[in-house]
Protein backbone atom coordinates (compact mmCIF):
# COMPACT_ATOMS: atom_id res chain seq x y z
CA MET A 1 -23.42 -33.36 21.65
CA ASN A 2 -22.64 -35.77 19.13
CA LEU A 3 -19.97 -36.93 16.36
CA THR A 4 -21.82 -35.52 13.83
CA ASP A 5 -21.77 -31.99 15.92
CA LEU A 6 -18.23 -32.29 15.84
CA ASN A 7 -17.79 -33.33 12.21
CA MET A 8 -19.88 -30.44 11.47
CA ASP A 9 -17.59 -27.87 13.12
CA LEU A 10 -15.03 -29.18 11.65
CA VAL A 11 -16.17 -28.57 8.57
CA ARG A 12 -17.24 -25.01 9.07
CA GLY A 13 -13.90 -24.05 10.81
CA ILE A 14 -11.85 -25.48 8.02
CA LEU A 15 -14.17 -23.64 5.60
CA MET A 16 -13.80 -20.39 7.60
CA VAL A 17 -9.80 -20.76 7.23
CA GLY A 18 -9.55 -20.98 3.60
CA LEU A 19 -12.53 -18.27 3.03
CA ILE A 20 -9.64 -16.23 5.14
CA ILE A 21 -6.50 -17.38 3.65
CA ALA A 22 -8.34 -16.80 0.01
CA PHE A 23 -9.74 -13.50 1.15
CA LEU A 24 -6.10 -12.45 1.92
CA GLY A 25 -4.42 -13.96 -1.39
CA MET A 26 -7.02 -11.08 -3.35
CA TRP A 27 -6.10 -8.64 -1.03
CA ALA A 28 -2.37 -9.23 -1.80
CA TRP A 29 -3.08 -9.64 -4.96
CA ALA A 30 -5.37 -6.52 -5.91
CA TRP A 31 -2.59 -3.98 -3.68
CA SER A 32 0.29 -5.59 -5.59
CA GLY A 33 2.38 -3.18 -7.69
CA LYS A 34 2.44 -5.19 -10.74
CA ARG A 35 -1.11 -4.25 -11.37
CA LYS A 36 -1.00 -0.89 -10.83
CA GLU A 37 -0.66 0.10 -14.67
CA VAL A 38 -3.20 -2.51 -15.25
CA PHE A 39 -5.91 -0.63 -12.52
CA HIS A 40 -5.07 2.60 -13.87
CA GLU A 41 -6.42 1.91 -17.70
CA ALA A 42 -9.23 0.10 -16.03
CA SER A 43 -10.06 3.30 -14.13
CA MET A 44 -9.69 5.38 -17.38
CA LEU A 45 -12.48 3.29 -18.85
CA PRO A 46 -15.61 5.51 -17.90
CA LEU A 47 -13.72 8.57 -19.36
CA GLU A 48 -12.86 6.77 -23.26
CA GLU A 49 -14.56 8.69 -25.68
CA ASP A 50 -16.85 7.06 -28.13
CA ASN A 51 -13.45 6.51 -31.06
CA GLY A 52 -11.94 5.00 -28.04
CA GLN A 53 -9.53 7.91 -27.15
CA ILE A 54 -9.02 8.90 -23.72
CA PRO A 55 -8.76 12.60 -22.87
CA GLN A 56 -5.85 13.96 -21.88
CA GLU A 57 -5.74 14.32 -18.24
CA SER A 58 -6.27 17.95 -17.19
CA ASP A 59 -5.51 19.86 -14.12
CA SER A 60 -7.85 19.96 -11.17
CA ARG A 61 -9.78 22.91 -12.43
CA GLY A 62 -10.50 21.41 -15.21
CA ASN A 63 -9.71 24.13 -17.52
CA GLY A 64 -7.84 22.00 -20.03
CA LYS A 65 -4.25 22.69 -19.43
CA LYS A 66 -2.05 19.94 -18.21
CA ASP A 67 0.45 20.55 -15.73
CA GLY A 68 -0.87 24.38 -15.55
CA ILE A 69 0.88 24.73 -19.25
CA GLU A 70 -1.05 26.38 -21.63
CA GLU A 71 -0.94 25.04 -25.11
């Protein structure tokens, strides 16, 4: 093993540690409580109507009632 092989192994090791730190940073950012509202809004985008309105959330039976109260 010569000096070039050792340098490449060192570069690969540093790169791997850097990528692990970047992954853990992105994971912590995504799971932080500050992002909950933004992610909820993004999750509602597929349900958005053509006019930009988001339909009311209905109960799990899909009958259009909110919280089980008939309007």
